[in-house]
């Protein structure tokens, strides 16, 4: 029996909510794999564009689930995806925060919280790579991505400067027929 589209949205984002260690950005590779490869809702370029919109819009990155839900099933999809991505992880965060407050002095809790840092960072790096590949921006896209990363890491420039410069470089290359 095939699930309804809203059922697929709830199942996908509800289960992904449970593994969002490090926030919604760490889910990008799996959202991409599911939405493009397994379920076939969207194409690489669409997911990359939706991610770019979410990253540049004010608000939480969890909007990626909402905007995909909207693209797939309209307003009902947006509501279903938003609730599915927020509710399970919020309940777990609530329960865990109570446990952390109560048992924070235990060595097992300290080790576990330290161990989650490299896991979250690895997932974030994988998300960046998936988004870069899905964008289909070619070599110039990789150069802009790397330059933006380095400028962000090594300077105190406002990220908007990198965003504007990268956009201008890519648009200029496109207008000149180089990409």
Foldseek 3Di string as FASTA:
>chain_A
DDDDPLVVLLVQQLVVLVVQLQFDLLCQVVCCCCCCPPVNVDALQVLLVLQVVLVPDPDGSLCSSLVSLCSRPNPSRNVSNSCSNPVPNVVVVVVVVVVCVVCVVDPVNVVVVVVSVVVSVVSNVVSLVSSLVSNPLPPLSVVLSVVLVCCVVPHPDDSVVSVVVSVVVSVVCVVVVND
